[in-house]
């Protein structure tokens, strides 16, 4: 079901960058969970800037490739707390699980063949 047009998806991508960047401060994430959040903010920003869609700047990465990357990331985020060994930190664990689910839902709803 493709209900999110590329422009709307772009806005959500920039919102995702802000959420990752603010999570350590707002949620009190420290150590590895905080470093991963900051890294993901930068990586997601770079991917969004280089994606070939209305809110991209460099328009290098095709939108379907952007979608494939987000699918992989969404699944990885859900597993990350256990893989990286911080599942005991409930705040960090739920932040990454929820972000993974949200990114997956956005992936499901997005129109990647603009």
C-alpha atoms as a PDB file:
ATOM      1  CA  UNK A   1       0.000   0.000   0.000  1.00  0.00           C
ATOM      2  CA  UNK A   2       1.725   3.161  -1.224  1.00  0.00           C
ATOM      3  CA  UNK A   3       0.087   6.130   0.411  1.00  0.00           C
ATOM      4  CA  UNK A   4       3.163   8.247   1.191  1.00  0.00           C
ATOM      5  CA  UNK A   5       4.395  10.222  -1.789  1.00  0.00           C
ATOM      6  CA  UNK A   6       8.166  10.804  -2.073  1.00  0.00           C
ATOM      7  CA  UNK A   7       7.883  14.382  -0.778  1.00  0.00           C
ATOM      8  CA  UNK A   8       5.998  13.254   2.350  1.00  0.00           C
ATOM      9  CA  UNK A   9       8.543  10.481   2.841  1.00  0.00           C
ATOM     10  CA  UNK A  10      11.312  13.087   2.654  1.00  0.00           C
ATOM     11  CA  UNK A  11       9.733  15.126   5.429  1.00  0.00           C
ATOM     12  CA  UNK A  12       9.528  11.994   7.568  1.00  0.00           C
ATOM     13  CA  UNK A  13      13.187  11.247   6.811  1.00  0.00           C
ATOM     14  CA  UNK A  14      14.261  14.654   8.097  1.00  0.00           C
ATOM     15  CA  UNK A  15      12.066  14.145  11.172  1.00  0.00           C
ATOM     16  CA  UNK A  16      13.804  10.802  11.721  1.00  0.00           C
ATOM     17  CA  UNK A  17      17.178  12.584  11.647  1.00  0.00           C
ATOM     18  CA  UNK A  18      15.966  14.983  14.336  1.00  0.00           C
ATOM     19  CA  UNK A  19      14.613  12.134  16.480  1.00  0.00           C
ATOM     20  CA  UNK A  20      17.911  10.235  16.340  1.00  0.00           C
ATOM     21  CA  UNK A  21      19.893  13.400  17.064  1.00  0.00           C
ATOM     22  CA  UNK A  22      17.752  14.418  20.060  1.00  0.00           C
ATOM     23  CA  UNK A  23      17.186  10.966  21.576  1.00  0.00           C
ATOM     24  CA  UNK A  24      20.337  10.886  23.718  1.00  0.00           C
ATOM     25  CA  UNK A  25      19.480  14.215  25.332  1.00  0.00           C
ATOM     26  CA  UNK A  26      15.725  13.768  25.622  1.00  0.00           C
ATOM     27  CA  UNK A  27      15.774  10.108  26.680  1.00  0.00           C
ATOM     28  CA  UNK A  28      19.036  10.173  28.595  1.00  0.00           C
ATOM     29  CA  UNK A  29      20.783   7.653  26.365  1.00  0.00           C
ATOM     30  CA  UNK A  30      24.462   7.232  27.172  1.00  0.00           C
ATOM     31  CA  UNK A  31      27.371   5.148  25.971  1.00  0.00           C
ATOM     32  CA  UNK A  32      26.862   2.956  22.925  1.00  0.00           C
ATOM     33  CA  UNK A  33      23.114   3.664  22.514  1.00  0.00           C
ATOM     34  CA  UNK A  34      23.849   7.411  22.393  1.00  0.00           C
ATOM     35  CA  UNK A  35      26.754   7.032  19.974  1.00  0.00           C
ATOM     36  CA  UNK A  36      24.640   4.844  17.679  1.00  0.00           C
ATOM     37  CA  UNK A  37      21.802   7.397  17.753  1.00  0.00           C
ATOM     38  CA  UNK A  38      24.151  10.220  16.755  1.00  0.00           C
ATOM     39  CA  UNK A  39      25.724   8.066  14.035  1.00  0.00           C
ATOM     40  CA  UNK A  40      22.306   7.115  12.678  1.00  0.00           C
ATOM     41  CA  UNK A  41      21.254  10.778  12.628  1.00  0.00           C
ATOM     42  CA  UNK A  42      24.272  11.608  10.451  1.00  0.00           C
ATOM     43  CA  UNK A  43      23.895   8.539   8.226  1.00  0.00           C
ATOM     44  CA  UNK A  44      20.160   9.079   7.740  1.00  0.00           C
ATOM     45  CA  UNK A  45      20.750  12.755   6.960  1.00  0.00           C
ATOM     46  CA  UNK A  46      23.398  11.892   4.375  1.00  0.00           C
ATOM     47  CA  UNK A  47      21.182   9.228   2.772  1.00  0.00           C
ATOM     48  CA  UNK A  48      18.262  11.652   2.609  1.00  0.00           C
ATOM     49  CA  UNK A  49      20.401  14.419   1.108  1.00  0.00           C
ATOM     50  CA  UNK A  50      21.735  12.157  -1.655  1.00  0.00           C
ATOM     51  CA  UNK A  51      18.438  10.440  -2.514  1.00  0.00           C
ATOM     52  CA  UNK A  52      16.828  11.198  -5.862  1.00  0.00           C
ATOM     53  CA  UNK A  53      13.492  12.523  -4.620  1.00  0.00           C
ATOM     54  CA  UNK A  54      11.937  15.986  -4.097  1.00  0.00           C
ATOM     55  CA  UNK A  55      13.720  16.744  -0.814  1.00  0.00           C
ATOM     56  CA  UNK A  56      17.077  15.269  -1.818  1.00  0.00           C
ATOM     57  CA  UNK A  57      19.905  17.637  -2.684  1.00  0.00           C
ATOM     58  CA  UNK A  58      22.470  15.611  -4.656  1.00  0.00           C
ATOM     59  CA  UNK A  59      19.974  13.114  -6.130  1.00  0.00           C
ATOM     60  CA  UNK A  60      22.504  10.274  -6.471  1.00  0.00           C
ATOM     61  CA  UNK A  61      20.773   7.324  -4.759  1.00  0.00           C
ATOM     62  CA  UNK A  62      17.679   6.054  -6.604  1.00  0.00           C
ATOM     63  CA  UNK A  63      14.540   6.116  -4.491  1.00  0.00           C
ATOM     64  CA  UNK A  64      14.035   2.311  -4.699  1.00  0.00           C
ATOM     65  CA  UNK A  65      17.575   1.812  -3.313  1.00  0.00           C
ATOM     66  CA  UNK A  66      16.760   4.265  -0.516  1.00  0.00           C
ATOM     67  CA  UNK A  67      13.726   2.118   0.278  1.00  0.00           C
ATOM     68  CA  UNK A  68      15.772  -1.088   0.320  1.00  0.00           C
ATOM     69  CA  UNK A  69      18.258   0.498   2.737  1.00  0.00           C
ATOM     70  CA  UNK A  70      15.449   1.623   5.022  1.00  0.00           C
ATOM     71  CA  UNK A  71      13.929  -1.864   5.031  1.00  0.00           C
ATOM     72  CA  UNK A  72      17.234  -3.388   6.151  1.00  0.00           C
ATOM     73  CA  UNK A  73      17.775  -0.640   8.729  1.00  0.00           C
ATOM     74  CA  UNK A  74      14.271  -1.068  10.168  1.00  0.00           C
ATOM     75  CA  UNK A  75      14.870  -4.775  10.788  1.00  0.00           C
ATOM     76  CA  UNK A  76      18.377  -4.166  12.148  1.00  0.00           C
ATOM     77  CA  UNK A  77      17.139  -1.520  14.599  1.00  0.00           C
ATOM     78  CA  UNK A  78      14.688  -3.948  16.180  1.00  0.00           C
ATOM     79  CA  UNK A  79      17.483  -6.480  16.755  1.00  0.00           C
ATOM     80  CA  UNK A  80      20.197  -3.940  17.641  1.00  0.00           C
ATOM     81  CA  UNK A  81      19.750  -3.821  21.441  1.00  0.00           C
ATOM     82  CA  UNK A  82      20.375  -7.574  21.698  1.00  0.00           C
ATOM     83  CA  UNK A  83      23.109  -7.695  19.063  1.00  0.00           C
ATOM     84  CA  UNK A  84      24.975  -4.732  20.579  1.00  0.00           C
ATOM     85  CA  UNK A  85      24.438  -5.882  24.162  1.00  0.00           C
ATOM     86  CA  UNK A  86      22.370  -3.043  25.589  1.00  0.00           C
ATOM     87  CA  UNK A  87      18.987  -4.780  25.828  1.00  0.00           C
ATOM     88  CA  UNK A  88      19.047  -4.432  29.634  1.00  0.00           C
ATOM     89  CA  UNK A  89      18.725  -0.655  29.208  1.00  0.00           C
ATOM     90  CA  UNK A  90      14.957  -0.524  28.769  1.00  0.00           C
ATOM     91  CA  UNK A  91      14.888   3.058  27.511  1.00  0.00           C
ATOM     92  CA  UNK A  92      17.491   2.392  24.827  1.00  0.00           C
ATOM     93  CA  UNK A  93      15.966  -0.970  23.937  1.00  0.00           C
ATOM     94  CA  UNK A  94      12.478   0.456  23.442  1.00  0.00           C
ATOM     95  CA  UNK A  95      13.757   3.501  21.577  1.00  0.00           C
ATOM     96  CA  UNK A  96      15.484   1.334  18.970  1.00  0.00           C
ATOM     97  CA  UNK A  97      12.661  -1.209  18.744  1.00  0.00           C
ATOM     98  CA  UNK A  98      10.058   1.536  18.280  1.00  0.00           C
ATOM     99  CA  UNK A  99      12.225   3.404  15.745  1.00  0.00           C
ATOM    100  CA  UNK A 100      12.692   0.166  13.819  1.00  0.00           C
ATOM    101  CA  UNK A 101       8.950  -0.449  13.771  1.00  0.00           C
ATOM    102  CA  UNK A 102       8.185   3.145  12.755  1.00  0.00           C
ATOM    103  CA  UNK A 103      10.739   3.058   9.924  1.00  0.00           C
ATOM    104  CA  UNK A 104       9.279  -0.276   8.780  1.00  0.00           C
ATOM    105  CA  UNK A 105       5.739   1.156   8.745  1.00  0.00           C
ATOM    106  CA  UNK A 106       6.958   4.187   6.781  1.00  0.00           C
ATOM    107  CA  UNK A 107       8.667   1.764   4.377  1.00  0.00           C
ATOM    108  CA  UNK A 108       5.401  -0.179   3.979  1.00  0.00           C
ATOM    109  CA  UNK A 109       3.418   2.984   3.278  1.00  0.00           C
ATOM    110  CA  UNK A 110       5.900   4.717   0.951  1.00  0.00           C
ATOM    111  CA  UNK A 111       5.783   4.963  -2.815  1.00  0.00           C
ATOM    112  CA  UNK A 112       9.358   4.167  -3.854  1.00  0.00           C
ATOM    113  CA  UNK A 113       8.671   4.162  -7.594  1.00  0.00           C
ATOM    114  CA  UNK A 114       8.030   7.867  -8.056  1.00  0.00           C
END
